[in-house]
Amino acid sequence: MIGMSETTEAEDNEVAVLTTPQEWRGFLEQYSLLYAKVRADEEELGDLLDEDQIEALEEGGRVDLWLGGAAAREEALDVAEDRLGVTFPPSLRGFFLASDGWTRLEDNVDAVHPCGRLGWMRDSEAGSRVIETYASITGNEDDVELFRRSLQIARGEDFWLLDPTEAGPDGEWAAYEFAPKYGDTTKHPSFYALFRTGYESMQEDADDEDLD
């Protein structure tokens, strides 16, 4: 639903922001395993794991699974930053140094772009259409300005955005999840906080399954 919308602040738990590739690697390994346990259907599991691994997973064991890519090189990050004219916030940089992009996320976001494909929302085909539509409706000025200045970091039905003009004392940029279908925008204090919402959602579902 397109129209005037109020940005909501996510109720993020106070957890330390991950900034190093080592921290991100450990978290993403946990994320991969939890995704396989909670979100992957039988067909997808067959694509991700062999029969022995699936059996181990079903028995509560731990398997090696990585849903990301190879780590980005520092030089690739420098090139991306120069191209965009920004310095990436610490949590985003640490993420890329652990995995240059990510697949199989929650809900209506398909994947985090590798650093070489990051771009401004205003320059993407989908983003420019949203901006044009919102700009045609009186009362959407704040949303339009946010979209025009934000970095689009993921692809899918919904948008993941980072706003370089709103940085905290730790250097983290405000992060937004925008759902065009509903006109909802949810704000998080950092890229890590935004990424972690999917992990927490899966963890809640896993806990519910354990109670059943």
C-alpha atoms as a PDB file:
ATOM      1  CA  MET A   1       0.000   0.000   0.000  1.00  0.00           C
ATOM      2  CA  ILE A   2       1.652   3.214  -1.149  1.00  0.00           C
ATOM      3  CA  GLY A   3       1.028   6.361   0.821  1.00  0.00           C
ATOM      4  CA  MET A   4       2.103   8.250   3.871  1.00  0.00           C
ATOM      5  CA  SER A   5       3.794   5.917   6.347  1.00  0.00           C
ATOM      6  CA  GLU A   6       5.447   6.289   9.721  1.00  0.00           C
ATOM      7  CA  THR A   7       8.812   4.673  10.251  1.00  0.00           C
ATOM      8  CA  THR A   8       8.787   2.346  13.239  1.00  0.00           C
ATOM      9  CA  GLU A   9      11.779   1.710  15.480  1.00  0.00           C
ATOM     10  CA  ALA A  10      12.597  -1.975  15.811  1.00  0.00           C
ATOM     11  CA  GLU A  11      12.787  -3.319  19.347  1.00  0.00           C
ATOM     12  CA  ASP A  12      16.366  -4.506  18.937  1.00  0.00           C
ATOM     13  CA  ASN A  13      17.854  -6.391  21.845  1.00  0.00           C
ATOM     14  CA  GLU A  14      20.978  -4.762  23.212  1.00  0.00           C
ATOM     15  CA  VAL A  15      23.674  -7.010  21.798  1.00  0.00           C
ATOM     16  CA  ALA A  16      27.196  -6.079  20.817  1.00  0.00           C
ATOM     17  CA  VAL A  17      27.551  -5.118  17.162  1.00  0.00           C
ATOM     18  CA  LEU A  18      29.741  -7.527  15.210  1.00  0.00           C
ATOM     19  CA  THR A  19      32.529  -5.703  13.398  1.00  0.00           C
ATOM     20  CA  THR A  20      35.341  -8.203  12.772  1.00  0.00           C
ATOM     21  CA  PRO A  21      35.315 -10.947  10.120  1.00  0.00           C
ATOM     22  CA  GLN A  22      36.020 -13.516  12.829  1.00  0.00           C
ATOM     23  CA  GLU A  23      32.914 -12.466  14.776  1.00  0.00           C
ATOM     24  CA  TRP A  24      30.810 -12.465  11.641  1.00  0.00           C
ATOM     25  CA  ARG A  25      32.122 -15.854  10.542  1.00  0.00           C
ATOM     26  CA  GLY A  26      31.043 -17.470  13.800  1.00  0.00           C
ATOM     27  CA  PHE A  27      27.625 -15.828  13.689  1.00  0.00           C
ATOM     28  CA  LEU A  28      27.021 -16.714  10.036  1.00  0.00           C
ATOM     29  CA  GLU A  29      27.943 -20.345  10.654  1.00  0.00           C
ATOM     30  CA  GLN A  30      25.277 -20.437  13.381  1.00  0.00           C
ATOM     31  CA  TYR A  31      22.843 -18.677  11.037  1.00  0.00           C
ATOM     32  CA  SER A  32      23.463 -21.263   8.291  1.00  0.00           C
ATOM     33  CA  LEU A  33      22.834 -24.189  10.617  1.00  0.00           C
ATOM     34  CA  LEU A  34      19.708 -22.627  12.103  1.00  0.00           C
ATOM     35  CA  TYR A  35      18.349 -21.883   8.624  1.00  0.00           C
ATOM     36  CA  ALA A  36      18.776 -25.526   7.639  1.00  0.00           C
ATOM     37  CA  LYS A  37      17.006 -26.686  10.793  1.00  0.00           C
ATOM     38  CA  VAL A  38      14.114 -24.234  10.764  1.00  0.00           C
ATOM     39  CA  ARG A  39      13.528 -22.792   7.290  1.00  0.00           C
ATOM     40  CA  ALA A  40      14.758 -25.220   4.629  1.00  0.00           C
ATOM     41  CA  ASP A  41      12.203 -27.633   3.191  1.00  0.00           C
ATOM     42  CA  GLU A  42      13.064 -31.173   2.102  1.00  0.00           C
ATOM     43  CA  GLU A  43      13.982 -30.164  -1.438  1.00  0.00           C
ATOM     44  CA  GLU A  44      16.184 -27.294  -0.301  1.00  0.00           C
ATOM     45  CA  LEU A  45      17.920 -29.478   2.276  1.00  0.00           C
ATOM     46  CA  GLY A  46      18.764 -31.888  -0.524  1.00  0.00           C
ATOM     47  CA  ASP A  47      20.460 -29.048  -2.375  1.00  0.00           C
ATOM     48  CA  LEU A  48      22.408 -27.915   0.692  1.00  0.00           C
ATOM     49  CA  LEU A  49      23.432 -31.177   2.376  1.00  0.00           C
ATOM     50  CA  ASP A  50      24.201 -34.803   1.560  1.00  0.00           C
ATOM     51  CA  GLU A  51      22.234 -37.683   3.083  1.00  0.00           C
ATOM     52  CA  ASP A  52      24.630 -38.235   5.980  1.00  0.00           C
ATOM     53  CA  GLN A  53      24.526 -34.553   6.877  1.00  0.00           C
ATOM     54  CA  ILE A  54      20.722 -34.472   6.729  1.00  0.00           C
ATOM     55  CA  GLU A  55      20.562 -37.497   9.026  1.00  0.00           C
ATOM     56  CA  ALA A  56      22.985 -35.863  11.458  1.00  0.00           C
ATOM     57  CA  LEU A  57      20.939 -32.661  11.403  1.00  0.00           C
ATOM     58  CA  GLU A  58      17.702 -34.523  12.099  1.00  0.00           C
ATOM     59  CA  GLU A  59      19.357 -36.243  15.069  1.00  0.00           C
ATOM     60  CA  GLY A  60      20.359 -32.902  16.539  1.00  0.00           C
ATOM     61  CA  GLY A  61      23.958 -33.041  15.424  1.00  0.00           C
ATOM     62  CA  ARG A  62      26.061 -30.259  13.974  1.00  0.00           C
ATOM     63  CA  VAL A  63      26.971 -30.108  10.289  1.00  0.00           C
ATOM     64  CA  ASP A  64      29.259 -27.835   8.329  1.00  0.00           C
ATOM     65  CA  LEU A  65      27.136 -25.494   6.218  1.00  0.00           C
ATOM     66  CA  TRP A  66      27.889 -22.091   4.725  1.00  0.00           C
ATOM     67  CA  LEU A  67      25.212 -20.088   2.905  1.00  0.00           C
ATOM     68  CA  GLY A  68      27.501 -17.211   2.007  1.00  0.00           C
ATOM     69  CA  GLY A  69      30.313 -16.658  -0.423  1.00  0.00           C
ATOM     70  CA  ALA A  70      34.045 -16.307  -0.194  1.00  0.00           C
ATOM     71  CA  ALA A  71      35.391 -13.449   1.891  1.00  0.00           C
ATOM     72  CA  ALA A  72      35.817 -10.150   0.074  1.00  0.00           C
ATOM     73  CA  ARG A  73      39.328  -8.779  -0.244  1.00  0.00           C
ATOM     74  CA  GLU A  74      40.208  -5.461   1.342  1.00  0.00           C
ATOM     75  CA  GLU A  75      41.052  -4.160  -2.123  1.00  0.00           C
ATOM     76  CA  ALA A  76      37.542  -4.978  -3.363  1.00  0.00           C
ATOM     77  CA  LEU A  77      36.018  -3.071  -0.452  1.00  0.00           C
ATOM     78  CA  ASP A  78      38.265  -0.090  -1.158  1.00  0.00           C
ATOM     79  CA  VAL A  79      37.148  -0.087  -4.805  1.00  0.00           C
ATOM     80  CA  ALA A  80      33.475  -0.275  -3.797  1.00  0.00           C
ATOM     81  CA  GLU A  81      33.886   2.563  -1.299  1.00  0.00           C
ATOM     82  CA  ASP A  82      35.675   4.736  -3.857  1.00  0.00           C
ATOM     83  CA  ARG A  83      32.954   4.048  -6.430  1.00  0.00           C
ATOM     84  CA  LEU A  84      30.199   5.037  -4.002  1.00  0.00           C
ATOM     85  CA  GLY A  85      32.107   7.841  -2.304  1.00  0.00           C
ATOM     86  CA  VAL A  86      31.607   6.478   1.225  1.00  0.00           C
ATOM     87  CA  THR A  87      33.379   4.562   3.957  1.00  0.00           C
ATOM     88  CA  PHE A  88      31.351   1.515   4.920  1.00  0.00           C
ATOM     89  CA  PRO A  89      30.153   1.240   8.532  1.00  0.00           C
ATOM     90  CA  PRO A  90      32.140  -1.231  10.666  1.00  0.00           C
ATOM     91  CA  SER A  91      29.520  -4.000  10.793  1.00  0.00           C
ATOM     92  CA  LEU A  92      29.040  -3.991   7.010  1.00  0.00           C
ATOM     93  CA  ARG A  93      32.783  -4.026   6.360  1.00  0.00           C
ATOM     94  CA  GLY A  94      33.278  -6.883   8.823  1.00  0.00           C
ATOM     95  CA  PHE A  95      30.465  -8.811   7.154  1.00  0.00           C
ATOM     96  CA  PHE A  96      32.003  -8.512   3.692  1.00  0.00           C
ATOM     97  CA  LEU A  97      35.400  -9.605   5.013  1.00  0.00           C
ATOM     98  CA  ALA A  98      33.666 -12.786   6.205  1.00  0.00           C
ATOM     99  CA  SER A  99      31.323 -13.321   3.241  1.00  0.00           C
ATOM    100  CA  ASP A 100      30.986 -11.267   0.076  1.00  0.00           C
ATOM    101  CA  GLY A 101      27.200 -11.460  -0.038  1.00  0.00           C
ATOM    102  CA  TRP A 102      24.634 -13.821   1.470  1.00  0.00           C
ATOM    103  CA  THR A 103      21.750 -15.997   0.286  1.00  0.00           C
ATOM    104  CA  ARG A 104      18.640 -17.453   1.904  1.00  0.00           C
ATOM    105  CA  LEU A 105      17.412 -14.694   4.140  1.00  0.00           C
ATOM    106  CA  GLU A 106      14.116 -14.201   5.911  1.00  0.00           C
ATOM    107  CA  ASP A 107      10.766 -13.333   4.380  1.00  0.00           C
ATOM    108  CA  ASN A 108      10.842 -11.120   1.281  1.00  0.00           C
ATOM    109  CA  VAL A 109      14.568 -10.430   1.004  1.00  0.00           C
ATOM    110  CA  ASP A 110      16.416 -12.861  -1.244  1.00  0.00           C
ATOM    111  CA  ALA A 111      20.079 -12.015  -0.758  1.00  0.00           C
ATOM    112  CA  VAL A 112      22.598  -9.430   0.386  1.00  0.00           C
ATOM    113  CA  HIS A 113      24.538  -8.059  -2.577  1.00  0.00           C
ATOM    114  CA  PRO A 114      28.283  -8.661  -2.832  1.00  0.00           C
ATOM    115  CA  CYS A 115      30.237  -5.456  -2.290  1.00  0.00           C
ATOM    116  CA  GLY A 116      30.837  -4.957  -6.004  1.00  0.00           C
ATOM    117  CA  ARG A 117      27.090  -4.777  -6.656  1.00  0.00           C
ATOM    118  CA  LEU A 118      26.122  -2.327  -3.939  1.00  0.00           C
ATOM    119  CA  GLY A 119      24.468   0.804  -5.260  1.00  0.00           C
ATOM    120  CA  TRP A 120      22.171   3.659  -4.398  1.00  0.00           C
ATOM    121  CA  MET A 121      18.460   2.918  -4.278  1.00  0.00           C
ATOM    122  CA  ARG A 122      17.857   5.840  -6.633  1.00  0.00           C
ATOM    123  CA  ASP A 123      20.039   4.183  -9.283  1.00  0.00           C
ATOM    124  CA  SER A 124      18.428   0.729  -9.273  1.00  0.00           C
ATOM    125  CA  GLU A 125      15.514  -0.022 -11.577  1.00  0.00           C
ATOM    126  CA  ALA A 126      13.234  -1.163  -8.757  1.00  0.00           C
ATOM    127  CA  GLY A 127      14.349   1.635  -6.463  1.00  0.00           C
ATOM    128  CA  SER A 128      13.839   4.378  -9.016  1.00  0.00           C
ATOM    129  CA  ARG A 129      10.303   3.118  -9.696  1.00  0.00           C
ATOM    130  CA  VAL A 130       9.469   3.238  -5.989  1.00  0.00           C
ATOM    131  CA  ILE A 131      10.919   6.731  -5.656  1.00  0.00           C
ATOM    132  CA  GLU A 132       9.003   7.984  -8.683  1.00  0.00           C
ATOM    133  CA  THR A 133       5.747   6.543  -7.343  1.00  0.00           C
ATOM    134  CA  TYR A 134       6.223   7.892  -3.829  1.00  0.00           C
ATOM    135  CA  ALA A 135       7.274  11.310  -5.118  1.00  0.00           C
ATOM    136  CA  SER A 136       3.967  11.600  -6.991  1.00  0.00           C
ATOM    137  CA  ILE A 137       1.979  11.426  -3.736  1.00  0.00           C
ATOM    138  CA  THR A 138       1.796  14.425  -1.421  1.00  0.00           C
ATOM    139  CA  GLY A 139       3.032  13.707   2.100  1.00  0.00           C
ATOM    140  CA  ASN A 140       5.761  11.230   1.194  1.00  0.00           C
ATOM    141  CA  GLU A 141       8.603  13.770   1.160  1.00  0.00           C
ATOM    142  CA  ASP A 142      10.505  12.247   4.091  1.00  0.00           C
ATOM    143  CA  ASP A 143      10.317   8.749   2.623  1.00  0.00           C
ATOM    144  CA  VAL A 144      11.453   9.968  -0.778  1.00  0.00           C
ATOM    145  CA  GLU A 145      14.459  11.764   0.697  1.00  0.00           C
ATOM    146  CA  LEU A 146      15.406   8.648   2.659  1.00  0.00           C
ATOM    147  CA  PHE A 147      15.193   6.488  -0.464  1.00  0.00           C
ATOM    148  CA  ARG A 148      17.235   8.907  -2.557  1.00  0.00           C
ATOM    149  CA  ARG A 149      20.145   9.038  -0.117  1.00  0.00           C
ATOM    150  CA  SER A 150      20.186   5.366   0.945  1.00  0.00           C
ATOM    151  CA  LEU A 151      22.427   2.528  -0.122  1.00  0.00           C
ATOM    152  CA  GLN A 152      20.520  -0.533  -1.322  1.00  0.00           C
ATOM    153  CA  ILE A 153      22.292  -3.579   0.067  1.00  0.00           C
ATOM    154  CA  ALA A 154      19.919  -6.455  -0.703  1.00  0.00           C
ATOM    155  CA  ARG A 155      17.595  -7.677  -3.420  1.00  0.00           C
ATOM    156  CA  GLY A 156      14.104  -9.096  -3.167  1.00  0.00           C
ATOM    157  CA  GLU A 157      10.507  -7.946  -2.836  1.00  0.00           C
ATOM    158  CA  ASP A 158      11.494  -5.803   0.148  1.00  0.00           C
ATOM    159  CA  PHE A 159      14.442  -3.417   0.399  1.00  0.00           C
ATOM    160  CA  TRP A 160      17.315  -3.348   2.877  1.00  0.00           C
ATOM    161  CA  LEU A 161      18.726   0.165   3.057  1.00  0.00           C
ATOM    162  CA  LEU A 162      21.570   1.939   4.856  1.00  0.00           C
ATOM    163  CA  ASP A 163      21.494   5.709   5.410  1.00  0.00           C
ATOM    164  CA  PRO A 164      25.013   7.214   5.414  1.00  0.00           C
ATOM    165  CA  THR A 165      23.707  10.567   6.658  1.00  0.00           C
ATOM    166  CA  GLU A 166      22.575   9.059   9.961  1.00  0.00           C
ATOM    167  CA  ALA A 167      25.657   7.614  11.645  1.00  0.00           C
ATOM    168  CA  GLY A 168      26.021   6.845  15.336  1.00  0.00           C
ATOM    169  CA  PRO A 169      29.080   7.481  17.517  1.00  0.00           C
ATOM    170  CA  ASP A 170      30.259   3.945  16.712  1.00  0.00           C
ATOM    171  CA  GLY A 171      30.252   4.720  12.987  1.00  0.00           C
ATOM    172  CA  GLU A 172      27.225   2.534  12.295  1.00  0.00           C
ATOM    173  CA  TRP A 173      24.629   3.807   9.823  1.00  0.00           C
ATOM    174  CA  ALA A 174      20.905   3.614  10.454  1.00  0.00           C
ATOM    175  CA  ALA A 175      19.482   0.580   8.653  1.00  0.00           C
ATOM    176  CA  TYR A 176      15.979   0.217   7.246  1.00  0.00           C
ATOM    177  CA  GLU A 177      13.788  -2.586   6.020  1.00  0.00           C
ATOM    178  CA  PHE A 178      11.211  -1.207   3.601  1.00  0.00           C
ATOM    179  CA  ALA A 179       8.220  -3.253   2.425  1.00  0.00           C
ATOM    180  CA  PRO A 180       6.697  -1.529  -0.652  1.00  0.00           C
ATOM    181  CA  LYS A 181       3.681  -3.843  -0.589  1.00  0.00           C
ATOM    182  CA  TYR A 182       2.566  -2.420   2.747  1.00  0.00           C
ATOM    183  CA  GLY A 183       4.385   0.906   2.823  1.00  0.00           C
ATOM    184  CA  ASP A 184       6.097  -0.085   6.077  1.00  0.00           C
ATOM    185  CA  THR A 185       9.577   1.074   7.027  1.00  0.00           C
ATOM    186  CA  THR A 186      11.345  -0.384  10.065  1.00  0.00           C
ATOM    187  CA  LYS A 187      14.480   1.268  11.418  1.00  0.00           C
ATOM    188  CA  HIS A 188      17.442  -0.476  13.062  1.00  0.00           C
ATOM    189  CA  PRO A 189      20.607   1.042  14.561  1.00  0.00           C
ATOM    190  CA  SER A 190      23.035  -0.881  12.337  1.00  0.00           C
ATOM    191  CA  PHE A 191      23.430  -3.355   9.498  1.00  0.00           C
ATOM    192  CA  TYR A 192      24.131  -6.076  12.043  1.00  0.00           C
ATOM    193  CA  ALA A 193      20.929  -5.316  13.957  1.00  0.00           C
ATOM    194  CA  LEU A 194      18.971  -5.543  10.697  1.00  0.00           C
ATOM    195  CA  PHE A 195      20.626  -8.819   9.699  1.00  0.00           C
ATOM    196  CA  ARG A 196      20.131 -10.289  13.166  1.00  0.00           C
ATOM    197  CA  THR A 197      16.333  -9.906  13.003  1.00  0.00           C
ATOM    198  CA  GLY A 198      16.146 -12.927  10.713  1.00  0.00           C
ATOM    199  CA  TYR A 199      18.285 -15.004  13.055  1.00  0.00           C
ATOM    200  CA  GLU A 200      16.131 -14.083  16.046  1.00  0.00           C
ATOM    201  CA  SER A 201      12.964 -14.944  14.130  1.00  0.00           C
ATOM    202  CA  MET A 202      14.337 -18.390  13.298  1.00  0.00           C
ATOM    203  CA  GLN A 203      15.482 -18.876  16.890  1.00  0.00           C
ATOM    204  CA  GLU A 204      11.984 -18.106  18.172  1.00  0.00           C
ATOM    205  CA  ASP A 205      10.506 -20.641  15.762  1.00  0.00           C
ATOM    206  CA  ALA A 206      13.091 -23.232  16.819  1.00  0.00           C
ATOM    207  CA  ASP A 207      12.226 -22.661  20.478  1.00  0.00           C
ATOM    208  CA  ASP A 208       8.514 -23.047  19.691  1.00  0.00           C
ATOM    209  CA  GLU A 209       9.197 -26.352  17.913  1.00  0.00           C
ATOM    210  CA  ASP A 210      11.111 -27.612  20.947  1.00  0.00           C
ATOM    211  CA  LEU A 211       8.083 -26.867  23.130  1.00  0.00           C
ATOM    212  CA  ASP A 212       5.671 -28.765  20.881  1.00  0.00           C
END
